[in-house]
Amino acid sequence: MSDENSIENLEKRIKILENELNEEKLNYKKQAMEIGKLVFQNEDYEYEIKKLKEENKKLKKENAELNAFKQEVESSTSWKLKSILK
């Protein structure tokens, strides 16, 4: 009788451990999926940052060109005459 109880207790313990293992496997899969999602999201952010840096560089260049043109216009004789006559 003691052997039967012992076997039953061991079988119950095995079942509990199997359930715990299955739960841990499920948690691991969920975490792996979340990590994969975050990796792809990070790649999207890196691509977006690259695009924004390129756009920023383009706008800085355009701004510098416009400032140079403004300086040229403001330093011209006709601009000086117009500003004096105002």
Protein backbone atom coordinates (compact mmCIF):
# COMPACT_ATOMS: atom_id res chain seq x y z
CA MET A 1 0.00 0.00 0.00
CA SER A 2 2.81 2.35 0.82
CA ASP A 3 4.41 1.60 -2.54
CA GLU A 4 1.13 2.39 -4.33
CA ASN A 5 0.81 5.70 -2.48
CA SER A 6 4.39 6.48 -3.23
CA ILE A 7 3.85 5.70 -6.94
CA GLU A 8 0.65 7.77 -7.00
CA ASN A 9 2.43 10.67 -5.31
CA LEU A 10 5.28 10.42 -7.80
CA GLU A 11 2.81 10.32 -10.71
CA LYS A 12 1.03 13.40 -9.34
CA ARG A 13 4.35 15.16 -8.89
CA ILE A 14 5.35 14.25 -12.45
CA LYS A 15 2.04 15.66 -13.73
CA ILE A 16 2.58 18.88 -11.78
CA LEU A 17 6.12 19.20 -13.14
CA GLU A 18 4.91 18.53 -16.69
CA ASN A 19 2.31 21.29 -16.31
CA GLU A 20 4.93 23.68 -14.95
CA LEU A 21 7.27 22.80 -17.81
CA ASN A 22 4.53 23.38 -20.38
CA GLU A 23 3.72 26.72 -18.78
CA GLU A 24 7.39 27.74 -18.88
CA LYS A 25 7.61 26.68 -22.54
CA LEU A 26 4.57 28.81 -23.33
CA ASN A 27 6.08 31.78 -21.48
CA TYR A 28 9.35 31.29 -23.36
CA LYS A 29 7.51 31.27 -26.70
CA LYS A 30 5.63 34.44 -25.76
CA GLN A 31 8.88 36.15 -24.78
CA ALA A 32 10.58 35.01 -27.99
CA MET A 33 7.70 36.41 -30.04
CA GLU A 34 7.86 39.70 -28.12
CA ILE A 35 11.62 39.93 -28.69
CA GLY A 36 11.11 39.27 -32.41
CA LYS A 37 8.47 41.98 -32.55
CA LEU A 38 10.80 44.41 -30.78
CA VAL A 39 13.67 43.58 -33.15
CA PHE A 40 11.51 44.37 -36.18
CA GLN A 41 10.20 47.52 -34.52
CA ASN A 42 13.78 48.59 -33.80
CA GLU A 43 14.72 48.03 -37.45
CA ASP A 44 11.76 50.19 -38.48
CA TYR A 45 12.90 52.93 -36.09
CA GLU A 46 16.47 52.75 -37.37
CA TYR A 47 15.23 53.11 -40.96
CA GLU A 48 13.02 56.05 -39.97
CA ILE A 49 15.94 57.71 -38.16
CA LYS A 50 18.12 57.26 -41.26
CA LYS A 51 15.44 58.87 -43.45
CA LEU A 52 15.02 61.76 -41.01
CA LYS A 53 18.79 62.35 -40.86
CA GLU A 54 18.93 62.45 -44.66
CA GLU A 55 15.98 64.88 -44.76
CA ASN A 56 17.62 67.01 -42.06
CA LYS A 57 20.87 67.12 -44.05
CA LYS A 58 18.97 68.11 -47.19
CA LEU A 59 17.08 70.87 -45.33
CA LYS A 60 20.29 72.22 -43.77
CA LYS A 61 21.88 72.43 -47.22
CA GLU A 62 18.80 74.12 -48.63
CA ASN A 63 18.75 76.55 -45.70
CA ALA A 64 22.43 77.41 -46.23
CA GLU A 65 21.77 78.07 -49.92
CA LEU A 66 18.82 80.32 -49.08
CA ASN A 67 20.86 82.21 -46.50
CA ALA A 68 23.66 82.71 -49.02
CA PHE A 69 21.13 83.98 -51.57
CA LYS A 70 19.62 86.31 -48.95
CA GLN A 71 23.07 87.71 -48.15
CA GLU A 72 23.74 88.22 -51.83
CA VAL A 73 20.43 90.02 -52.35
CA GLU A 74 20.82 92.17 -49.25
CA SER A 75 24.35 93.15 -50.26
CA SER A 76 23.29 94.17 -53.78
CA THR A 77 23.11 97.85 -54.70
CA SER A 78 19.45 97.81 -55.72
CA TRP A 79 18.44 96.25 -52.37
CA LYS A 80 20.34 98.93 -50.51
CA LEU A 81 18.62 101.64 -52.55
CA LYS A 82 15.17 100.17 -51.89
CA SER A 83 15.80 99.93 -48.16
CA ILE A 84 17.05 103.52 -48.04
CA LEU A 85 13.99 104.78 -49.91
CA LYS A 86 11.53 103.07 -47.58
